[in-house]
N, C-alpha and C. Protein backbone atom coordinates (compact mmCIF):
# COMPACT_ATOMS: atom_id res chain seq x y z
N MET A 1 105.60 80.73 100.83
CA MET A 1 106.29 80.06 101.19
C MET A 1 106.92 79.19 100.04
N SER A 2 108.42 79.02 100.13
CA SER A 2 108.64 77.90 98.69
C SER A 2 109.26 76.91 99.99
N GLY A 3 109.71 75.99 98.94
CA GLY A 3 110.35 74.69 99.31
C GLY A 3 110.19 73.79 98.05
N PRO A 4 110.45 72.33 98.35
CA PRO A 4 110.93 71.62 97.37
C PRO A 4 109.70 71.44 96.42
N ASP A 5 108.38 71.81 96.78
CA ASP A 5 107.05 71.28 95.98
C ASP A 5 106.85 72.84 95.38
N LYS A 6 107.42 73.65 96.09
CA LYS A 6 106.80 74.82 95.49
C LYS A 6 108.02 75.94 95.04
N PRO A 7 108.19 76.15 94.30
CA PRO A 7 109.35 77.10 93.95
C PRO A 7 109.11 78.29 93.85
N LYS A 8 110.24 78.78 94.61
CA LYS A 8 110.32 80.26 95.09
C LYS A 8 110.39 81.20 93.72
N VAL A 9 109.46 82.49 93.58
CA VAL A 9 108.62 82.84 92.43
C VAL A 9 109.32 84.83 92.69
N ILE A 10 110.08 84.74 92.00
CA ILE A 10 110.92 86.29 91.80
C ILE A 10 110.17 86.84 90.48
N GLY A 11 109.77 88.30 91.21
CA GLY A 11 109.49 89.26 90.18
C GLY A 11 108.40 88.89 89.66
N GLU A 12 107.46 88.03 90.60
CA GLU A 12 105.76 87.80 89.92
C GLU A 12 105.05 89.24 89.92
N GLU A 13 104.13 89.47 89.04
CA GLU A 13 103.90 90.78 88.42
C GLU A 13 102.42 90.56 89.06
N TRP A 14 101.89 91.30 90.32
CA TRP A 14 100.57 91.04 90.73
C TRP A 14 99.68 92.04 89.82
N SER A 15 98.64 92.00 89.82
CA SER A 15 97.28 92.58 89.43
C SER A 15 96.65 93.19 90.34
N ASP A 16 96.03 94.42 89.58
CA ASP A 16 95.43 95.63 90.48
C ASP A 16 94.09 94.61 91.33
N GLU A 17 93.79 93.63 90.74
CA GLU A 17 92.54 92.81 91.57
C GLU A 17 93.15 92.04 92.84
N ARG A 18 94.57 91.46 92.53
CA ARG A 18 95.47 91.20 93.90
C ARG A 18 95.60 92.20 94.68
N VAL A 19 96.13 93.26 94.35
CA VAL A 19 96.30 94.89 95.20
C VAL A 19 95.32 94.85 96.07
N LYS A 20 94.33 95.17 95.04
CA LYS A 20 93.03 95.63 95.89
C LYS A 20 92.64 94.79 97.02
N SER A 21 92.75 93.40 96.41
CA SER A 21 92.35 92.28 98.13
C SER A 21 92.27 92.48 98.73
N PHE A 22 94.09 93.60 99.41
CA PHE A 22 94.36 93.62 100.46
C PHE A 22 93.38 94.60 101.55
N LEU A 23 92.49 95.35 100.41
CA LEU A 23 91.61 96.21 101.19
C LEU A 23 90.71 95.50 102.00
N PHE A 24 90.28 94.52 102.01
CA PHE A 24 89.26 93.50 102.45
C PHE A 24 89.86 92.78 103.40
N ILE A 25 91.52 93.30 103.78
CA ILE A 25 91.41 91.95 105.16
C ILE A 25 90.72 92.21 106.07
N THR A 26 90.61 91.45 107.47
CA THR A 26 89.99 92.13 108.84
C THR A 26 90.78 91.39 109.48
N PRO A 27 90.84 92.54 110.72
CA PRO A 27 91.60 92.23 111.81
C PRO A 27 91.23 90.91 112.58
N TYR A 28 92.01 90.17 112.94
CA TYR A 28 92.23 88.68 113.65
C TYR A 28 91.41 89.52 115.71
N ASP A 29 91.60 90.67 115.75
CA ASP A 29 91.81 91.36 116.99
C ASP A 29 90.71 93.25 116.89
N LYS A 30 89.94 92.60 117.60
CA LYS A 30 89.41 94.20 117.87
C LYS A 30 89.68 95.11 117.84
N LYS A 31 90.47 95.00 118.38
CA LYS A 31 91.24 95.86 119.34
C LYS A 31 92.20 96.86 118.45
N LEU A 32 92.54 95.98 117.26
CA LEU A 32 93.25 96.50 116.14
C LEU A 32 92.15 97.52 114.89
N ASN A 33 92.74 98.96 114.77
CA ASN A 33 92.38 99.47 113.71
C ASN A 33 92.09 98.94 112.89
N PRO A 34 90.76 98.61 112.02
CA PRO A 34 91.14 97.95 110.57
C PRO A 34 91.83 98.82 109.31
N ASP A 35 91.93 100.02 109.66
CA ASP A 35 93.21 100.39 108.31
C ASP A 35 94.13 100.61 108.36
N TYR A 36 94.86 100.61 109.75
CA TYR A 36 96.02 100.28 110.29
C TYR A 36 96.45 98.75 110.15
N GLN A 37 95.59 98.31 110.12
CA GLN A 37 95.94 96.37 110.01
C GLN A 37 96.39 96.23 107.92
N VAL A 38 95.02 96.98 107.52
CA VAL A 38 95.68 96.44 105.98
C VAL A 38 97.02 97.31 105.65
N LEU A 39 96.96 98.37 105.99
CA LEU A 39 98.52 99.10 105.46
C LEU A 39 99.39 98.11 106.15
N ILE A 40 99.17 97.48 107.63
CA ILE A 40 100.29 96.91 107.67
C ILE A 40 101.17 95.83 106.73
N LYS A 41 99.88 94.59 106.75
CA LYS A 41 99.79 93.37 105.76
C LYS A 41 99.96 93.82 104.51
N ALA A 42 99.61 94.92 103.84
CA ALA A 42 100.31 95.34 102.54
C ALA A 42 101.25 95.73 102.50
N TYR A 43 101.92 96.35 103.83
CA TYR A 43 103.41 96.95 103.64
C TYR A 43 104.15 95.69 104.16
N GLN A 44 103.75 94.29 104.82
CA GLN A 44 104.49 93.26 104.70
C GLN A 44 104.80 92.49 103.38
N ALA A 45 103.85 92.66 102.79
CA ALA A 45 103.47 91.33 101.87
C ALA A 45 103.75 92.48 100.23
N MET A 46 103.55 93.63 100.40
CA MET A 46 104.25 93.70 98.72
C MET A 46 105.33 94.68 98.33
N ARG A 47 105.66 94.46 97.38
CA ARG A 47 106.94 95.52 97.07
C ARG A 47 106.84 96.63 96.95
N ALA A 48 107.94 97.93 96.91
CA ALA A 48 107.51 99.24 96.67
C ALA A 48 106.75 99.51 95.67
N GLY A 49 106.58 99.21 94.68
CA GLY A 49 105.37 99.84 93.52
C GLY A 49 104.08 99.40 93.58
N ASP A 50 104.01 98.39 93.66
CA ASP A 50 102.85 97.55 94.77
C ASP A 50 102.53 98.38 95.72
N PHE A 51 103.10 98.26 96.83
CA PHE A 51 102.28 98.92 97.76
C PHE A 51 101.99 100.04 97.30
N ASP A 52 102.66 100.85 96.23
CA ASP A 52 102.23 102.28 96.10
C ASP A 52 101.30 102.73 95.43
N ARG A 53 101.01 101.36 94.58
CA ARG A 53 99.14 101.55 93.64
C ARG A 53 98.08 101.17 94.61
N PHE A 54 98.89 99.88 95.61
CA PHE A 54 97.83 99.74 96.94
C PHE A 54 97.71 100.75 97.56
N LEU A 55 98.01 102.14 98.04
CA LEU A 55 98.11 102.78 98.85
C LEU A 55 96.94 104.13 97.37
N ALA A 56 97.32 104.26 96.12
CA ALA A 56 95.87 105.05 95.77
C ALA A 56 94.57 104.18 96.05
N PHE A 57 94.39 103.09 95.83
CA PHE A 57 93.41 102.23 95.92
C PHE A 57 92.83 102.43 97.40
N PHE A 58 93.64 102.18 98.36
CA PHE A 58 93.41 102.62 99.33
C PHE A 58 92.55 104.20 99.77
N THR A 59 93.35 104.99 99.23
CA THR A 59 92.97 106.64 99.45
C THR A 59 91.50 106.97 98.92
N GLU A 60 91.81 106.51 97.88
CA GLU A 60 90.33 106.30 96.45
C GLU A 60 88.86 105.86 97.65
N ALA A 61 89.66 104.79 98.19
CA ALA A 61 88.19 104.00 99.17
C ALA A 61 88.09 104.94 100.60
N GLY A 62 88.80 105.91 100.42
CA GLY A 62 88.25 106.91 101.63
C GLY A 62 88.92 106.53 102.68
N ARG A 63 89.80 105.53 102.69
CA ARG A 63 90.43 104.94 104.14
C ARG A 63 90.93 105.90 104.38
N ASP A 64 91.34 105.62 106.25
CA ASP A 64 92.74 106.52 107.04
C ASP A 64 93.85 106.25 106.97
N LEU A 65 95.14 107.44 106.21
CA LEU A 65 96.38 106.65 105.93
C LEU A 65 96.81 106.83 107.26
N ASN A 66 96.52 107.41 108.17
CA ASN A 66 96.81 108.32 109.33
C ASN A 66 96.30 107.35 110.27
N ALA A 67 95.79 106.08 110.35
CA ALA A 67 95.14 105.22 111.43
C ALA A 67 96.34 104.72 113.01
N LEU A 68 96.14 105.01 113.35
CA LEU A 68 96.80 104.75 114.61
C LEU A 68 96.65 103.14 114.78
N GLY A 69 98.47 102.73 115.28
CA GLY A 69 98.21 101.16 115.66
C GLY A 69 98.03 101.06 117.06
N THR A 70 98.27 99.96 117.83
CA THR A 70 97.61 99.97 119.22
C THR A 70 99.17 100.48 119.79
N ASP A 71 100.18 100.88 119.32
CA ASP A 71 101.39 101.09 119.93
C ASP A 71 101.22 102.81 120.11
N GLY A 72 100.06 103.79 119.36
CA GLY A 72 100.09 104.77 118.57
C GLY A 72 100.72 105.84 117.40
N GLN A 73 101.29 104.34 116.87
CA GLN A 73 102.11 104.91 115.73
C GLN A 73 100.83 104.88 114.49
N THR A 74 101.41 106.20 113.56
CA THR A 74 101.08 105.62 111.90
C THR A 74 101.42 104.86 111.48
N MET A 75 101.57 104.33 110.04
CA MET A 75 102.31 103.54 109.35
C MET A 75 103.12 104.84 109.06
N LEU A 76 103.76 105.78 108.78
CA LEU A 76 104.71 106.36 108.34
C LEU A 76 105.43 106.21 109.58
N ASP A 77 105.06 106.25 110.49
CA ASP A 77 106.17 105.91 111.82
C ASP A 77 106.37 105.26 112.12
N HIS A 78 105.81 103.86 111.61
CA HIS A 78 106.10 102.31 111.85
C HIS A 78 107.11 101.81 110.65
N VAL A 79 106.84 102.65 109.29
CA VAL A 79 108.02 102.91 108.07
C VAL A 79 108.88 103.27 108.20
N SER A 80 109.13 104.45 109.27
CA SER A 80 110.55 105.28 109.35
C SER A 80 110.91 104.44 109.77
N GLU A 81 111.06 103.53 110.85
CA GLU A 81 111.78 102.85 111.69
C GLU A 81 112.63 101.45 110.54
N HIS A 82 112.21 101.43 109.75
CA HIS A 82 112.80 100.48 108.96
C HIS A 82 114.25 101.46 108.23
N ARG A 83 115.52 100.53 107.72
CA ARG A 83 116.66 101.46 106.94
C ARG A 83 116.09 101.37 105.80
N ARG A 84 115.38 100.27 105.08
CA ARG A 84 115.91 100.27 103.33
C ARG A 84 113.94 100.42 103.55
N SER A 85 113.50 101.33 103.88
CA SER A 85 112.31 101.72 104.08
C SER A 85 111.91 102.92 102.75
N GLY A 86 112.95 103.51 101.98
CA GLY A 86 112.88 104.69 100.97
C GLY A 86 111.89 104.52 100.45
N ASP A 87 111.74 103.54 99.51
CA ASP A 87 110.19 103.64 98.57
C ASP A 87 109.17 103.66 99.19
N TYR A 88 109.61 102.91 100.33
CA TYR A 88 107.54 103.06 101.04
C TYR A 88 107.25 104.27 101.19
N LEU A 89 108.70 104.82 102.21
CA LEU A 89 107.96 106.34 103.05
C LEU A 89 107.59 107.17 101.81
N GLU A 90 108.31 107.44 100.90
CA GLU A 90 107.87 108.16 99.69
C GLU A 90 106.25 107.89 98.92
N ALA A 91 106.15 106.88 98.93
CA ALA A 91 104.71 106.36 98.41
C ALA A 91 103.92 106.85 99.46
N LEU A 92 103.85 106.55 100.68
CA LEU A 92 103.23 107.30 102.36
C LEU A 92 102.89 108.44 101.80
N LYS A 93 104.30 109.33 102.00
CA LYS A 93 104.23 110.61 101.93
C LYS A 93 103.33 111.13 100.73
N LYS A 94 103.76 110.47 99.65
CA LYS A 94 103.03 111.25 98.53
C LYS A 94 101.25 111.32 98.76
N TYR A 95 100.59 109.81 99.14
CA TYR A 95 99.78 110.25 99.48
C TYR A 95 99.18 111.15 101.06
N GLY A 96 100.13 111.54 101.38
CA GLY A 96 99.81 112.06 102.49
C GLY A 96 99.73 111.63 103.95
N ALA A 97 100.22 111.17 104.07
CA ALA A 97 100.69 110.13 105.30
C ALA A 97 101.58 110.91 106.39
N GLN A 98 101.12 111.01 107.73
CA GLN A 98 101.77 111.71 108.82
C GLN A 98 102.32 111.12 109.50
N SER A 99 103.24 111.32 110.50
CA SER A 99 103.40 110.80 112.06
C SER A 99 102.52 110.73 113.25
N ALA A 100 102.09 110.27 113.94
CA ALA A 100 101.51 110.41 114.77
C ALA A 100 101.38 111.78 115.43
N ALA A 101 102.77 112.52 115.47
CA ALA A 101 102.50 113.93 116.61
C ALA A 101 102.45 114.36 115.44
N THR A 102 102.33 114.71 114.23
CA THR A 102 102.06 115.74 113.20
C THR A 102 100.35 115.77 113.11
N SER A 103 99.89 114.43 112.62
CA SER A 103 98.35 113.97 112.48
C SER A 103 97.44 114.85 114.16
N GLN A 104 98.64 114.65 115.28
CA GLN A 104 97.47 114.67 116.28
C GLN A 104 97.50 116.17 116.77
N ALA A 105 98.47 117.31 116.24
CA ALA A 105 98.64 118.75 116.26
C ALA A 105 97.48 119.26 115.87
């Protein structure tokens, strides 16, 4: 958050440690799938390049890239709904993400 006492930071480089820190996010609600929650938080916070790096760490850790959200969508389904998400979609597909319809077939 920026303001008079906090200047806006643009183009800040994220270290691997900062990117990996998203692996340890825990859902506030027990109904949420932890893997889906981590993916959502990373998608919301990261630029596409950092998200791509995160997905490498995520899959390397054996996490479920096709985890379902409470709405029955995978991360690929969710990101597909956003017009300017092309780079994020490419990253998800690169690591094997599938839509809910495909992963349940």
